[in-house]
């Protein structure tokens, strides 16, 4: 029943910034872990960030931390991922995901629901 739709990707120059969006619908229980993942060509899916819809606690992966900021707008049922100082290595399909088990946010282990990805391509 839960649906997630990511958007906001595109072709950008290195050093620029993007703000990805994920519209969430179908929630009947307003306590979820929602986060962002990405998958580059030939690589495994990589967790980036997570936020709890209830309290707003955020968690980040070690490597991309510092250039990625997760946030949400409860009124719009929308999740955001701000990406600053984009690099060519950031090129990937970015996905938003959700999980009913809040502790999974800590280790970015979301697997209950997945949305369609949005392509981010960074040129040098």
Protein backbone atom coordinates (compact mmCIF):
# COMPACT_ATOMS: atom_id res chain seq x y z
CA UNK A 1 0.00 0.00 0.00
CA UNK A 2 2.88 2.35 0.71
CA UNK A 3 4.21 4.02 -2.42
CA UNK A 4 7.29 6.15 -2.93
CA UNK A 5 8.11 8.21 -5.99
CA UNK A 6 11.53 9.80 -6.38
CA UNK A 7 12.24 12.73 -8.65
CA UNK A 8 14.63 15.63 -9.12
CA UNK A 9 17.50 13.90 -10.85
CA UNK A 10 19.12 15.02 -14.05
CA UNK A 11 22.35 15.99 -15.76
CA UNK A 12 24.47 18.44 -13.78
CA UNK A 13 28.01 19.78 -13.80
CA UNK A 14 30.53 18.78 -11.16
CA UNK A 15 30.41 21.11 -8.19
CA UNK A 16 26.73 21.90 -8.55
CA UNK A 17 23.98 20.83 -6.19
CA UNK A 18 20.75 18.88 -6.48
CA UNK A 19 17.73 18.42 -4.28
CA UNK A 20 16.00 15.10 -4.79
CA UNK A 21 12.40 14.60 -3.71
CA UNK A 22 10.42 11.53 -2.74
CA UNK A 23 6.65 11.77 -2.41
CA UNK A 24 5.30 9.19 -0.01
CA UNK A 25 1.72 7.95 0.03
CA UNK A 26 -0.28 5.14 1.54
CA UNK A 27 0.88 5.53 5.13
CA UNK A 28 -1.71 4.40 7.66
CA UNK A 29 0.74 4.26 10.55
CA UNK A 30 2.79 7.41 10.83
CA UNK A 31 6.00 5.93 12.19
CA UNK A 32 8.41 4.87 9.46
CA UNK A 33 12.07 4.92 8.67
CA UNK A 34 12.58 6.57 5.28
CA UNK A 35 15.88 6.90 3.50
CA UNK A 36 17.91 7.26 0.34
CA UNK A 37 19.99 4.72 -1.53
CA UNK A 38 21.92 4.81 -4.76
CA UNK A 39 23.28 2.31 -7.22
CA UNK A 40 25.99 3.13 -9.71
CA UNK A 41 26.59 1.03 -12.82
CA UNK A 42 28.38 -2.19 -11.92
CA UNK A 43 28.19 -1.55 -8.18
CA UNK A 44 26.00 -2.73 -5.33
CA UNK A 45 23.31 -0.57 -3.85
CA UNK A 46 24.68 1.89 -1.32
CA UNK A 47 22.79 3.35 1.61
CA UNK A 48 23.15 7.10 2.00
CA UNK A 49 20.83 8.44 4.66
CA UNK A 50 17.75 7.77 6.74
CA UNK A 51 15.25 9.74 8.80
CA UNK A 52 12.51 8.68 11.20
CA UNK A 53 9.14 10.20 10.32
CA UNK A 54 8.12 10.43 13.95
CA UNK A 55 10.97 12.13 15.77
CA UNK A 56 13.07 13.26 12.83
CA UNK A 57 16.33 11.59 13.87
CA UNK A 58 18.76 11.34 10.96
CA UNK A 59 21.51 8.89 10.10
CA UNK A 60 24.16 8.93 7.40
CA UNK A 61 26.60 6.55 5.81
CA UNK A 62 30.25 7.24 6.59
CA UNK A 63 31.58 7.89 3.11
CA UNK A 64 29.12 10.35 1.56
CA UNK A 65 28.41 12.09 4.86
CA UNK A 66 29.09 15.80 4.70
CA UNK A 67 27.73 16.45 1.22
CA UNK A 68 24.35 14.81 1.76
CA UNK A 69 21.54 16.19 3.89
CA UNK A 70 18.22 14.41 4.41
CA UNK A 71 15.08 16.24 5.45
CA UNK A 72 11.31 15.97 5.21
CA UNK A 73 8.20 18.09 4.86
CA UNK A 74 5.37 16.49 6.78
CA UNK A 75 2.72 18.75 5.25
CA UNK A 76 3.68 17.58 1.77
CA UNK A 77 4.47 13.96 2.68
CA UNK A 78 7.77 14.50 0.94
CA UNK A 79 11.29 13.36 1.68
CA UNK A 80 14.29 15.34 0.42
CA UNK A 81 17.92 14.60 -0.24
CA UNK A 82 20.18 17.60 -0.71
CA UNK A 83 23.42 16.77 -2.49
CA UNK A 84 26.14 19.42 -2.52
CA UNK A 85 29.40 19.60 -4.45
CA UNK A 86 28.43 16.83 -6.81
CA UNK A 87 31.21 14.68 -8.22
CA UNK A 88 31.26 12.39 -11.25
CA UNK A 89 31.41 9.43 -8.85
CA UNK A 90 27.99 10.44 -7.57
CA UNK A 91 26.49 9.36 -10.87
CA UNK A 92 23.91 6.71 -10.03
CA UNK A 93 20.23 5.90 -9.81
CA UNK A 94 18.93 7.24 -6.52
CA UNK A 95 16.11 5.46 -4.72
CA UNK A 96 14.00 6.24 -1.70
CA UNK A 97 12.88 3.45 0.59
CA UNK A 98 10.85 2.94 3.75
CA UNK A 99 10.64 0.45 6.57
CA UNK A 100 8.23 -0.07 9.43
CA UNK A 101 10.97 -1.14 11.82
CA UNK A 102 12.46 2.15 12.99
CA UNK A 103 15.77 0.76 14.35
CA UNK A 104 16.73 -0.20 10.80
CA UNK A 105 17.31 3.48 10.16
CA UNK A 106 20.51 3.31 12.19
CA UNK A 107 22.21 0.83 9.91
CA UNK A 108 20.39 1.86 6.73
CA UNK A 109 18.76 -1.54 6.46
CA UNK A 110 15.45 -0.46 4.94
CA UNK A 111 13.75 -3.14 2.88
CA UNK A 112 9.96 -3.05 3.32
CA UNK A 113 9.12 -0.60 0.55
CA UNK A 114 10.98 0.75 -2.45
CA UNK A 115 10.18 3.44 -4.95
CA UNK A 116 11.22 4.10 -8.50
CA UNK A 117 14.64 5.62 -8.83
CA UNK A 118 15.72 8.91 -10.35
CA UNK A 119 18.86 9.15 -12.46
CA UNK A 120 21.60 11.56 -11.42
CA UNK A 121 24.40 12.11 -13.91
CA UNK A 122 27.34 14.34 -13.04
CA UNK A 123 29.65 15.53 -15.80
CA UNK A 124 33.16 16.86 -15.29
